Amino acid sequence: MTKHDLRLFMLHEFKLGYNASEASANINRAWGEESIRDRTVRRWFGKFRSGDESLKDEEGRGRLGSLENEQLHAVVEQKPRQSVREMSQTLGVSIATVSHHLKIIGKVKKLDK
């Protein structure tokens, strides 16, 4: 099942007059528990109430992008003293993503002695 399918189900529930909690319960009952979160349905119902019934993704929502550890390792090796912010801009991902992957590959700042 795709995100578009779930959005279509939400719009259907909205048009039938269900509130977000009822819609969430109905969708999860029909398609399996944890198919959709109540908070997600509330956000989409707010969008529908405002008159926007488009089922497309909103700009800026969701993950910014994936990051391969090899990509990050290459960027670090190329310029070891650059900031996490610079790396995030170079790689096109969030600062949190870079920080997380730096820990995974064992590249953490060590205190100078």
PDB file of N, CA and C in Angstrom:
ATOM      1  N   MET A   1       0.845  -1.173   0.000  1.00  0.00           N
ATOM      2  CA  MET A   1       0.000   0.000   0.000  1.00  0.00           C
ATOM      3  C   MET A   1       0.895   1.243   0.000  1.00  0.00           C
ATOM      4  N   THR A   2       0.556   2.200  -0.825  1.00  0.00           N
ATOM      5  CA  THR A   2       1.379   3.408  -0.958  1.00  0.00           C
ATOM      6  C   THR A   2       0.833   4.532  -0.082  1.00  0.00           C
ATOM      7  N   LYS A   3       1.642   5.576   0.062  1.00  0.00           N
ATOM      8  CA  LYS A   3       1.191   6.766   0.787  1.00  0.00           C
ATOM      9  C   LYS A   3      -0.026   7.371   0.107  1.00  0.00           C
ATOM     10  N   HIS A   4      -0.010   7.357  -1.218  1.00  0.00           N
ATOM     11  CA  HIS A   4      -1.136   7.910  -1.976  1.00  0.00           C
ATOM     12  C   HIS A   4      -2.424   7.153  -1.636  1.00  0.00           C
ATOM     13  N   ASP A   5      -2.332   5.820  -1.523  1.00  0.00           N
ATOM     14  CA  ASP A   5      -3.502   5.021  -1.155  1.00  0.00           C
ATOM     15  C   ASP A   5      -4.046   5.447   0.204  1.00  0.00           C
ATOM     16  N   LEU A   6      -3.153   5.590   1.173  1.00  0.00           N
ATOM     17  CA  LEU A   6      -3.580   5.991   2.518  1.00  0.00           C
ATOM     18  C   LEU A   6      -4.219   7.378   2.504  1.00  0.00           C
ATOM     19  N   ARG A   7      -3.666   8.283   1.703  1.00  0.00           N
ATOM     20  CA  ARG A   7      -4.232   9.627   1.614  1.00  0.00           C
ATOM     21  C   ARG A   7      -5.620   9.593   0.985  1.00  0.00           C
ATOM     22  N   LEU A   8      -5.786   8.719   0.014  1.00  0.00           N
ATOM     23  CA  LEU A   8      -7.098   8.563  -0.606  1.00  0.00           C
ATOM     24  C   LEU A   8      -8.108   8.022   0.411  1.00  0.00           C
ATOM     25  N   PHE A   9      -7.680   7.063   1.228  1.00  0.00           N
ATOM     26  CA  PHE A   9      -8.557   6.533   2.279  1.00  0.00           C
ATOM     27  C   PHE A   9      -8.934   7.639   3.263  1.00  0.00           C
ATOM     28  N   MET A  10      -7.959   8.488   3.625  1.00  0.00           N
ATOM     29  CA  MET A  10      -8.244   9.591   4.556  1.00  0.00           C
ATOM     30  C   MET A  10      -9.253  10.558   3.953  1.00  0.00           C
ATOM     31  N   LEU A  11      -9.073  10.898   2.687  1.00  0.00           N
ATOM     32  CA  LEU A  11     -10.005  11.813   2.024  1.00  0.00           C
ATOM     33  C   LEU A  11     -11.404  11.199   1.984  1.00  0.00           C
ATOM     34  N   HIS A  12     -11.477   9.920   1.709  1.00  0.00           N
ATOM     35  CA  HIS A  12     -12.751   9.202   1.691  1.00  0.00           C
ATOM     36  C   HIS A  12     -13.428   9.285   3.063  1.00  0.00           C
ATOM     37  N   GLU A  13     -12.684   9.001   4.102  1.00  0.00           N
ATOM     38  CA  GLU A  13     -13.224   9.063   5.467  1.00  0.00           C
ATOM     39  C   GLU A  13     -13.661  10.492   5.806  1.00  0.00           C
ATOM     40  N   PHE A  14     -12.886  11.459   5.375  1.00  0.00           N
ATOM     41  CA  PHE A  14     -13.224  12.871   5.609  1.00  0.00           C
ATOM     42  C   PHE A  14     -14.554  13.219   4.940  1.00  0.00           C
ATOM     43  N   LYS A  15     -14.703  12.797   3.692  1.00  0.00           N
ATOM     44  CA  LYS A  15     -15.921  13.100   2.940  1.00  0.00           C
ATOM     45  C   LYS A  15     -17.141  12.371   3.504  1.00  0.00           C
ATOM     46  N   LEU A  16     -16.915  11.243   4.179  1.00  0.00           N
ATOM     47  CA  LEU A  16     -18.016  10.528   4.816  1.00  0.00           C
ATOM     48  C   LEU A  16     -18.427  11.170   6.144  1.00  0.00           C
ATOM     49  N   GLY A  17     -17.633  12.144   6.602  1.00  0.00           N
ATOM     50  CA  GLY A  17     -17.999  12.868   7.814  1.00  0.00           C
ATOM     51  C   GLY A  17     -17.394  12.344   9.098  1.00  0.00           C
ATOM     52  N   TYR A  18     -16.454  11.409   8.992  1.00  0.00           N
ATOM     53  CA  TYR A  18     -15.785  10.907  10.192  1.00  0.00           C
ATOM     54  C   TYR A  18     -14.798  11.943  10.706  1.00  0.00           C
ATOM     55  N   ASN A  19     -14.555  11.935  12.021  1.00  0.00           N
ATOM     56  CA  ASN A  19     -13.496  12.793  12.546  1.00  0.00           C
ATOM     57  C   ASN A  19     -12.173  12.032  12.412  1.00  0.00           C
ATOM     58  N   ALA A  20     -11.079  12.706  12.712  1.00  0.00           N
ATOM     59  CA  ALA A  20      -9.747  12.121  12.491  1.00  0.00           C
ATOM     60  C   ALA A  20      -9.531  10.844  13.295  1.00  0.00           C
ATOM     61  N   SER A  21      -9.970  10.823  14.535  1.00  0.00           N
ATOM     62  CA  SER A  21      -9.780   9.623  15.369  1.00  0.00           C
ATOM     63  C   SER A  21     -10.558   8.439  14.824  1.00  0.00           C
ATOM     64  N   GLU A  22     -11.801   8.686  14.417  1.00  0.00           N
ATOM     65  CA  GLU A  22     -12.621   7.613  13.849  1.00  0.00           C
ATOM     66  C   GLU A  22     -12.013   7.122  12.535  1.00  0.00           C
ATOM     67  N   ALA A  23     -11.562   8.060  11.712  1.00  0.00           N
ATOM     68  CA  ALA A  23     -10.957   7.695  10.434  1.00  0.00           C
ATOM     69  C   ALA A  23      -9.701   6.855  10.641  1.00  0.00           C
ATOM     70  N   SER A  24      -8.878   7.263  11.586  1.00  0.00           N
ATOM     71  CA  SER A  24      -7.658   6.521  11.887  1.00  0.00           C
ATOM     72  C   SER A  24      -7.997   5.103  12.328  1.00  0.00           C
ATOM     73  N   ALA A  25      -8.978   4.973  13.203  1.00  0.00           N
ATOM     74  CA  ALA A  25      -9.398   3.647  13.688  1.00  0.00           C
ATOM     75  C   ALA A  25      -9.950   2.804  12.532  1.00  0.00           C
ATOM     76  N   ASN A  26     -10.757   3.420  11.672  1.00  0.00           N
ATOM     77  CA  ASN A  26     -11.334   2.689  10.535  1.00  0.00           C
ATOM     78  C   ASN A  26     -10.249   2.187   9.591  1.00  0.00           C
ATOM     79  N   ILE A  27      -9.295   3.053   9.263  1.00  0.00           N
ATOM     80  CA  ILE A  27      -8.218   2.669   8.338  1.00  0.00           C
ATOM     81  C   ILE A  27      -7.359   1.570   8.950  1.00  0.00           C
ATOM     82  N   ASN A  28      -7.026   1.714  10.224  1.00  0.00           N
ATOM     83  CA  ASN A  28      -6.204   0.693  10.884  1.00  0.00           C
ATOM     84  C   ASN A  28      -6.953  -0.629  11.023  1.00  0.00           C
ATOM     85  N   ARG A  29      -8.256  -0.568  11.239  1.00  0.00           N
ATOM     86  CA  ARG A  29      -9.060  -1.797  11.334  1.00  0.00           C
ATOM     87  C   ARG A  29      -9.091  -2.511   9.967  1.00  0.00           C
ATOM     88  N   ALA A  30      -9.226  -1.735   8.908  1.00  0.00           N
ATOM     89  CA  ALA A  30      -9.326  -2.322   7.563  1.00  0.00           C
ATOM     90  C   ALA A  30      -7.975  -2.787   7.016  1.00  0.00           C
ATOM     91  N   TRP A  31      -6.909  -2.050   7.299  1.00  0.00           N
ATOM     92  CA  TRP A  31      -5.619  -2.311   6.657  1.00  0.00           C
ATOM     93  C   TRP A  31      -4.529  -2.763   7.611  1.00  0.00           C
ATOM     94  N   GLY A  32      -4.881  -2.997   8.864  1.00  0.00           N
ATOM     95  CA  GLY A  32      -3.911  -3.484   9.840  1.00  0.00           C
ATOM     96  C   GLY A  32      -3.486  -2.396  10.804  1.00  0.00           C
ATOM     97  N   GLU A  33      -3.366  -2.776  12.045  1.00  0.00           N
ATOM     98  CA  GLU A  33      -2.925  -1.829  13.070  1.00  0.00           C
ATOM     99  C   GLU A  33      -1.594  -1.223  12.672  1.00  0.00           C
ATOM    100  N   GLU A  34      -1.383   0.018  13.022  1.00  0.00           N
ATOM    101  CA  GLU A  34      -0.161   0.748  12.708  1.00  0.00           C
ATOM    102  C   GLU A  34      -0.055   1.095  11.224  1.00  0.00           C
ATOM    103  N   SER A  35      -1.156   0.976  10.463  1.00  0.00           N
ATOM    104  CA  SER A  35      -1.118   1.399   9.065  1.00  0.00           C
ATOM    105  C   SER A  35      -0.944   2.902   8.969  1.00  0.00           C
ATOM    106  N   ILE A  36      -1.569   3.610   9.911  1.00  0.00           N
ATOM    107  CA  ILE A  36      -1.506   5.066   9.902  1.00  0.00           C
ATOM    108  C   ILE A  36      -1.621   5.579  11.329  1.00  0.00           C
ATOM    109  N   ARG A  37      -0.968   6.700  11.596  1.00  0.00           N
ATOM    110  CA  ARG A  37      -1.018   7.301  12.930  1.00  0.00           C
ATOM    111  C   ARG A  37      -2.129   8.339  12.995  1.00  0.00           C
ATOM    112  N   ASP A  38      -2.721   8.442  14.178  1.00  0.00           N
ATOM    113  CA  ASP A  38      -3.790   9.404  14.408  1.00  0.00           C
ATOM    114  C   ASP A  38      -3.326  10.827  14.098  1.00  0.00           C
ATOM    115  N   ARG A  39      -2.114  11.143  14.475  1.00  0.00           N
ATOM    116  CA  ARG A  39      -1.570  12.484  14.238  1.00  0.00           C
ATOM    117  C   ARG A  39      -1.494  12.809  12.736  1.00  0.00           C
ATOM    118  N   THR A  40      -1.118  11.829  11.936  1.00  0.00           N
ATOM    119  CA  THR A  40      -1.049  12.016  10.488  1.00  0.00           C
ATOM    120  C   THR A  40      -2.434  12.317   9.929  1.00  0.00           C
ATOM    121  N   VAL A  41      -3.436  11.567  10.395  1.00  0.00           N
ATOM    122  CA  VAL A  41      -4.801  11.786   9.921  1.00  0.00           C
ATOM    123  C   VAL A  41      -5.271  13.178  10.321  1.00  0.00           C
ATOM    124  N   ARG A  42      -4.968  13.600  11.551  1.00  0.00           N
ATOM    125  CA  ARG A  42      -5.375  14.947  11.995  1.00  0.00           C
ATOM    126  C   ARG A  42      -4.753  16.019  11.099  1.00  0.00           C
ATOM    127  N   ARG A  43      -3.473  15.861  10.754  1.00  0.00           N
ATOM    128  CA  ARG A  43      -2.804  16.847   9.901  1.00  0.00           C
ATOM    129  C   ARG A  43      -3.475  16.918   8.533  1.00  0.00           C
ATOM    130  N   TRP A  44      -3.761  15.768   7.936  1.00  0.00           N
ATOM    131  CA  TRP A  44      -4.400  15.740   6.619  1.00  0.00           C
ATOM    132  C   TRP A  44      -5.837  16.250   6.677  1.00  0.00           C
ATOM    133  N   PHE A  45      -6.566  15.932   7.748  1.00  0.00           N
ATOM    134  CA  PHE A  45      -7.935  16.441   7.886  1.00  0.00           C
ATOM    135  C   PHE A  45      -7.930  17.963   7.981  1.00  0.00           C
ATOM    136  N   GLY A  46      -6.944  18.535   8.641  1.00  0.00           N
ATOM    137  CA  GLY A  46      -6.819  19.992   8.707  1.00  0.00           C
ATOM    138  C   GLY A  46      -6.622  20.573   7.316  1.00  0.00           C
ATOM    139  N   LYS A  47      -5.826  19.900   6.530  1.00  0.00           N
ATOM    140  CA  LYS A  47      -5.579  20.328   5.151  1.00  0.00           C
ATOM    141  C   LYS A  47      -6.875  20.251   4.336  1.00  0.00           C
ATOM    142  N   PHE A  48      -7.613  19.138   4.496  1.00  0.00           N
ATOM    143  CA  PHE A  48      -8.879  18.981   3.775  1.00  0.00           C
ATOM    144  C   PHE A  48      -9.896  20.042   4.201  1.00  0.00           C
ATOM    145  N   ARG A  49      -9.954  20.326   5.508  1.00  0.00           N
ATOM    146  CA  ARG A  49     -10.894  21.342   6.012  1.00  0.00           C
ATOM    147  C   ARG A  49     -10.606  22.714   5.431  1.00  0.00           C
ATOM    148  N   SER A  50      -9.346  22.994   5.139  1.00  0.00           N
ATOM    149  CA  SER A  50      -8.980  24.299   4.582  1.00  0.00           C
ATOM    150  C   SER A  50      -9.322  24.393   3.091  1.00  0.00           C
ATOM    151  N   GLY A  51      -9.834  23.297   2.524  1.00  0.00           N
ATOM    152  CA  GLY A  51     -10.231  23.300   1.125  1.00  0.00           C
ATOM    153  C   GLY A  51      -9.226  22.651   0.189  1.00  0.00           C
ATOM    154  N   ASP A  52      -8.075  22.272   0.704  1.00  0.00           N
ATOM    155  CA  ASP A  52      -7.035  21.646  -0.118  1.00  0.00           C
ATOM    156  C   ASP A  52      -7.219  20.132  -0.079  1.00  0.00           C
ATOM    157  N   GLU A  53      -7.693  19.567  -1.175  1.00  0.00           N
ATOM    158  CA  GLU A  53      -7.904  18.122  -1.230  1.00  0.00           C
ATOM    159  C   GLU A  53      -6.846  17.426  -2.076  1.00  0.00           C
ATOM    160  N   SER A  54      -5.740  18.119  -2.331  1.00  0.00           N
ATOM    161  CA  SER A  54      -4.627  17.534  -3.062  1.00  0.00           C
ATOM    162  C   SER A  54      -4.004  16.429  -2.207  1.00  0.00           C
ATOM    163  N   LEU A  55      -3.609  15.368  -2.839  1.00  0.00           N
ATOM    164  CA  LEU A  55      -3.021  14.239  -2.111  1.00  0.00           C
ATOM    165  C   LEU A  55      -1.504  14.182  -2.271  1.00  0.00           C
ATOM    166  N   LYS A  56      -0.912  15.272  -2.773  1.00  0.00           N
ATOM    167  CA  LYS A  56       0.537  15.316  -2.999  1.00  0.00           C
ATOM    168  C   LYS A  56       1.284  15.642  -1.715  1.00  0.00           C
ATOM    169  N   ASP A  57       2.555  15.219  -1.682  1.00  0.00           N
ATOM    170  CA  ASP A  57       3.427  15.529  -0.553  1.00  0.00           C
ATOM    171  C   ASP A  57       3.596  17.020  -0.404  1.00  0.00           C
ATOM    172  N   GLU A  58       3.713  17.472   0.832  1.00  0.00           N
ATOM    173  CA  GLU A  58       4.002  18.874   1.104  1.00  0.00           C
ATOM    174  C   GLU A  58       5.502  19.073   1.057  1.00  0.00           C
ATOM    175  N   GLU A  59       5.943  20.240   0.596  1.00  0.00           N
ATOM    176  CA  GLU A  59       7.371  20.558   0.598  1.00  0.00           C
ATOM    177  C   GLU A  59       7.881  20.591   2.033  1.00  0.00           C
ATOM    178  N   GLY A  60       9.062  20.058   2.235  1.00  0.00           N
ATOM    179  CA  GLY A  60       9.698  20.162   3.535  1.00  0.00           C
ATOM    180  C   GLY A  60       9.267  19.118   4.548  1.00  0.00           C
ATOM    181  N   ARG A  61       8.388  18.204   4.177  1.00  0.00           N
ATOM    182  CA  ARG A  61       7.951  17.172   5.107  1.00  0.00           C
ATOM    183  C   ARG A  61       8.759  15.909   4.868  1.00  0.00           C
ATOM    184  N   GLY A  62       8.944  15.138   5.924  1.00  0.00           N
ATOM    185  CA  GLY A  62       9.624  13.868   5.785  1.00  0.00           C
ATOM    186  C   GLY A  62      11.134  14.006   5.819  1.00  0.00           C
ATOM    187  N   ARG A  63      11.801  12.942   5.488  1.00  0.00           N
ATOM    188  CA  ARG A  63      13.262  12.924   5.531  1.00  0.00           C
ATOM    189  C   ARG A  63      13.861  13.774   4.430  1.00  0.00           C
ATOM    190  N   LEU A  64      14.972  14.377   4.732  1.00  0.00           N
ATOM    191  CA  LEU A  64      15.635  15.224   3.755  1.00  0.00           C
ATOM    192  C   LEU A  64      16.373  14.410   2.703  1.00  0.00           C
ATOM    193  N   GLY A  65      16.808  13.262   3.042  1.00  0.00           N
ATOM    194  CA  GLY A  65      17.539  12.442   2.086  1.00  0.00           C
ATOM    195  C   GLY A  65      18.335  11.387   2.816  1.00  0.00           C
ATOM    196  N   SER A  66      18.795  10.428   2.088  1.00  0.00           N
ATOM    197  CA  SER A  66      19.570   9.377   2.723  1.00  0.00           C
ATOM    198  C   SER A  66      21.048   9.716   2.606  1.00  0.00           C
ATOM    199  N   LEU A  67      21.810   9.096   3.449  1.00  0.00           N
ATOM    200  CA  LEU A  67      23.242   9.342   3.467  1.00  0.00           C
ATOM    201  C   LEU A  67      23.951   8.009   3.599  1.00  0.00           C
ATOM    202  N   GLU A  68      24.819   7.756   2.683  1.00  0.00           N
ATOM    203  CA  GLU A  68      25.634   6.549   2.741  1.00  0.00           C
ATOM    204  C   GLU A  68      26.874   6.851   3.567  1.00  0.00           C
ATOM    205  N   ASN A  69      27.244   5.920   4.426  1.00  0.00           N
ATOM    206  CA  ASN A  69      28.415   6.120   5.276  1.00  0.00           C
ATOM    207  C   ASN A  69      29.679   6.339   4.450  1.00  0.00           C
ATOM    208  N   GLU A  70      29.746   5.690   3.280  1.00  0.00           N
ATOM    209  CA  GLU A  70      30.920   5.855   2.417  1.00  0.00           C
ATOM    210  C   GLU A  70      31.026   7.295   1.898  1.00  0.00           C
ATOM    211  N   GLN A  71      29.869   7.890   1.564  1.00  0.00           N
ATOM    212  CA  GLN A  71      29.848   9.287   1.108  1.00  0.00           C
ATOM    213  C   GLN A  71      30.416  10.195   2.192  1.00  0.00           C
ATOM    214  N   LEU A  72      29.911  10.012   3.407  1.00  0.00           N
ATOM    215  CA  LEU A  72      30.347  10.843   4.524  1.00  0.00           C
ATOM    216  C   LEU A  72      31.828  10.641   4.801  1.00  0.00           C
ATOM    217  N   HIS A  73      32.257   9.410   4.772  1.00  0.00           N
ATOM    218  CA  HIS A  73      33.672   9.109   5.034  1.00  0.00           C
ATOM    219  C   HIS A  73      34.551   9.823   4.017  1.00  0.00           C
ATOM    220  N   ALA A  74      34.146   9.838   2.757  1.00  0.00           N
ATOM    221  CA  ALA A  74      34.925  10.509   1.711  1.00  0.00           C
ATOM    222  C   ALA A  74      34.989  12.013   1.958  1.00  0.00           C
ATOM    223  N   VAL A  75      33.870  12.613   2.380  1.00  0.00           N
ATOM    224  CA  VAL A  75      33.843  14.049   2.661  1.00  0.00           C
ATOM    225  C   VAL A  75      34.742  14.380   3.849  1.00  0.00           C
ATOM    226  N   VAL A  76      34.721  13.544   4.866  1.00  0.00           N
ATOM    227  CA  VAL A  76      35.562  13.766   6.054  1.00  0.00           C
ATOM    228  C   VAL A  76      37.032  13.631   5.701  1.00  0.00           C
ATOM    229  N   GLU A  77      37.380  12.629   4.918  1.00  0.00           N
ATOM    230  CA  GLU A  77      38.778  12.420   4.541  1.00  0.00           C
ATOM    231  C   GLU A  77      39.296  13.554   3.668  1.00  0.00           C
ATOM    232  N   GLN A  78      38.422  14.103   2.831  1.00  0.00           N
ATOM    233  CA  GLN A  78      38.814  15.185   1.940  1.00  0.00           C
ATOM    234  C   GLN A  78      39.151  16.453   2.730  1.00  0.00           C
ATOM    235  N   LYS A  79      38.364  16.740   3.763  1.00  0.00           N
ATOM    236  CA  LYS A  79      38.577  17.950   4.555  1.00  0.00           C
ATOM    237  C   LYS A  79      38.197  17.655   6.011  1.00  0.00           C
ATOM    238  N   PRO A  80      39.147  17.091   6.776  1.00  0.00           N
ATOM    239  CA  PRO A  80      38.845  16.608   8.122  1.00  0.00           C
ATOM    240  C   PRO A  80      38.415  17.685   9.130  1.00  0.00           C
ATOM    241  N   ARG A  81      38.780  18.917   8.948  1.00  0.00           N
ATOM    242  CA  ARG A  81      38.491  19.953   9.940  1.00  0.00           C
ATOM    243  C   ARG A  81      37.220  20.755   9.643  1.00  0.00           C
ATOM    244  N   GLN A  82      36.427  20.333   8.674  1.00  0.00           N
ATOM    245  CA  GLN A  82      35.210  21.087   8.381  1.00  0.00           C
ATOM    246  C   GLN A  82      34.137  20.805   9.430  1.00  0.00           C
ATOM    247  N   SER A  83      33.220  21.737   9.561  1.00  0.00           N
ATOM    248  CA  SER A  83      32.162  21.610  10.565  1.00  0.00           C
ATOM    249  C   SER A  83      31.070  20.657  10.076  1.00  0.00           C
ATOM    250  N   VAL A  84      30.281  20.202  11.021  1.00  0.00           N
ATOM    251  CA  VAL A  84      29.146  19.340  10.701  1.00  0.00           C
ATOM    252  C   VAL A  84      28.171  20.100   9.797  1.00  0.00           C
ATOM    253  N   ARG A  85      28.013  21.383  10.041  1.00  0.00           N
ATOM    254  CA  ARG A  85      27.135  22.208   9.208  1.00  0.00           C
ATOM    255  C   ARG A  85      27.626  22.227   7.758  1.00  0.00           C
ATOM    256  N   GLU A  86      28.942  22.400   7.575  1.00  0.00           N
ATOM    257  CA  GLU A  86      29.498  22.392   6.210  1.00  0.00           C
ATOM    258  C   GLU A  86      29.263  21.045   5.539  1.00  0.00           C
ATOM    259  N   MET A  87      29.463  19.965   6.299  1.00  0.00           N
ATOM    260  CA  MET A  87      29.243  18.633   5.733  1.00  0.00           C
ATOM    261  C   MET A  87      27.779  18.440   5.337  1.00  0.00           C
ATOM    262  N   SER A  88      26.864  18.925   6.192  1.00  0.00           N
ATOM    263  CA  SER A  88      25.440  18.756   5.890  1.00  0.00           C
ATOM    264  C   SER A  88      25.059  19.516   4.618  1.00  0.00           C
ATOM    265  N   GLN A  89      25.650  20.704   4.435  1.00  0.00           N
ATOM    266  CA  GLN A  89      25.371  21.477   3.224  1.00  0.00           C
ATOM    267  C   GLN A  89      25.957  20.793   1.990  1.00  0.00           C
ATOM    268  N   THR A  90      27.148  20.271   2.124  1.00  0.00           N
ATOM    269  CA  THR A  90      27.807  19.576   1.011  1.00  0.00           C
ATOM    270  C   THR A  90      27.011  18.342   0.589  1.00  0.00           C
ATOM    271  N   LEU A  91      26.510  17.600   1.580  1.00  0.00           N
ATOM    272  CA  LEU A  91      25.833  16.339   1.302  1.00  0.00           C
ATOM    273  C   LEU A  91      24.326  16.493   1.082  1.00  0.00           C
ATOM    274  N   GLY A  92      23.772  17.662   1.428  1.00  0.00           N
ATOM    275  CA  GLY A  92      22.342  17.892   1.236  1.00  0.00           C
ATOM    276  C   GLY A  92      21.450  17.158   2.208  1.00  0.00           C
ATOM    277  N   VAL A  93      21.950  16.972   3.438  1.00  0.00           N
ATOM    278  CA  VAL A  93      21.154  16.319   4.479  1.00  0.00           C
ATOM    279  C   VAL A  93      21.203  17.179   5.737  1.00  0.00           C
ATOM    280  N   SER A  94      20.419  16.808   6.741  1.00  0.00           N
ATOM    281  CA  SER A  94      20.374  17.601   7.962  1.00  0.00           C
ATOM    282  C   SER A  94      21.641  17.428   8.799  1.00  0.00           C
ATOM    283  N   ILE A  95      21.853  18.381   9.689  1.00  0.00           N
ATOM    284  CA  ILE A  95      22.989  18.318  10.615  1.00  0.00           C
ATOM    285  C   ILE A  95      22.864  17.091  11.507  1.00  0.00           C
ATOM    286  N   ALA A  96      21.640  16.800  11.944  1.00  0.00           N
ATOM    287  CA  ALA A  96      21.408  15.631  12.803  1.00  0.00           C
ATOM    288  C   ALA A  96      21.786  14.336  12.090  1.00  0.00           C
ATOM    289  N   THR A  97      21.474  14.257  10.800  1.00  0.00           N
ATOM    290  CA  THR A  97      21.814  13.064  10.016  1.00  0.00           C
ATOM    291  C   THR A  97      23.327  12.901   9.934  1.00  0.00           C
ATOM    292  N   VAL A  98      24.031  13.992   9.667  1.00  0.00           N
ATOM    293  CA  VAL A  98      25.496  13.932   9.596  1.00  0.00           C
ATOM    294  C   VAL A  98      26.068  13.511  10.942  1.00  0.00           C
ATOM    295  N   SER A  99      25.602  14.121  12.023  1.00  0.00           N
ATOM    296  CA  SER A  99      26.092  13.782  13.365  1.00  0.00           C
ATOM    297  C   SER A  99      25.875  12.310  13.677  1.00  0.00           C
ATOM    298  N   HIS A 100      24.691  11.818  13.360  1.00  0.00           N
ATOM    299  CA  HIS A 100      24.368  10.409  13.615  1.00  0.00           C
ATOM    300  C   HIS A 100      25.321   9.485  12.854  1.00  0.00           C
ATOM    301  N   HIS A 101      25.528   9.781  11.569  1.00  0.00           N
ATOM    302  CA  HIS A 101      26.396   8.925  10.755  1.00  0.00           C
ATOM    303  C   HIS A 101      27.869   9.059  11.136  1.00  0.00           C
ATOM    304  N   LEU A 102      28.272  10.228  11.620  1.00  0.00           N
ATOM    305  CA  LEU A 102      29.654  10.375  12.093  1.00  0.00           C
ATOM    306  C   LEU A 102      29.919   9.434  13.270  1.00  0.00           C
ATOM    307  N   LYS A 103      28.941   9.325  14.152  1.00  0.00           N
ATOM    308  CA  LYS A 103      29.080   8.401  15.288  1.00  0.00           C
ATOM    309  C   LYS A 103      29.167   6.966  14.803  1.00  0.00           C
ATOM    310  N   ILE A 104      28.347   6.625  13.813  1.00  0.00           N
ATOM    311  CA  ILE A 104      28.334   5.258  13.277  1.00  0.00           C
ATOM    312  C   ILE A 104      29.695   4.879  12.692  1.00  0.00           C
ATOM    313  N   ILE A 105      30.324   5.809  11.970  1.00  0.00           N
ATOM    314  CA  ILE A 105      31.614   5.478  11.342  1.00  0.00           C
ATOM    315  C   ILE A 105      32.802   5.762  12.263  1.00  0.00           C
ATOM    316  N   GLY A 106      32.513   6.149  13.499  1.00  0.00           N
ATOM    317  CA  GLY A 106      33.579   6.336  14.488  1.00  0.00           C
ATOM    318  C   GLY A 106      34.350   7.628  14.353  1.00  0.00           C
ATOM    319  N   LYS A 107      33.780   8.607  13.717  1.00  0.00           N
ATOM    320  CA  LYS A 107      34.437   9.909  13.553  1.00  0.00           C
ATOM    321  C   LYS A 107      33.798  10.900  14.517  1.00  0.00           C
ATOM    322  N   VAL A 108      34.326  10.927  15.715  1.00  0.00           N
ATOM    323  CA  VAL A 108      33.815  11.874  16.724  1.00  0.00           C
ATOM    324  C   VAL A 108      34.941  12.794  17.136  1.00  0.00           C
ATOM    325  N   LYS A 109      34.589  13.996  17.523  1.00  0.00           N
ATOM    326  CA  LYS A 109      35.602  14.966  17.922  1.00  0.00           C
ATOM    327  C   LYS A 109      36.278  14.498  19.216  1.00  0.00           C
ATOM    328  N   LYS A 110      37.581  14.519  19.173  1.00  0.00           N
ATOM    329  CA  LYS A 110      38.345  14.165  20.368  1.00  0.00           C
ATOM    330  C   LYS A 110      38.917  15.437  20.958  1.00  0.00           C
ATOM    331  N   LEU A 111      38.961  15.508  22.258  1.00  0.00           N
ATOM    332  CA  LEU A 111      39.487  16.699  22.937  1.00  0.00           C
ATOM    333  C   LEU A 111      40.983  16.818  22.683  1.00  0.00           C
ATOM    334  N   ASP A 112      41.432  18.021  22.325  1.00  0.00           N
ATOM    335  CA  ASP A 112      42.857  18.266  22.119  1.00  0.00           C
ATOM    336  C   ASP A 112      43.561  18.263  23.461  1.00  0.00           C
ATOM    337  N   LYS A 113      44.779  17.727  23.502  1.00  0.00           N
ATOM    338  CA  LYS A 113      45.525  17.689  24.760  1.00  0.00           C
ATOM    339  C   LYS A 113      46.691  18.610  24.722  1.00  0.00           C
TER     340      LYS A 113
END
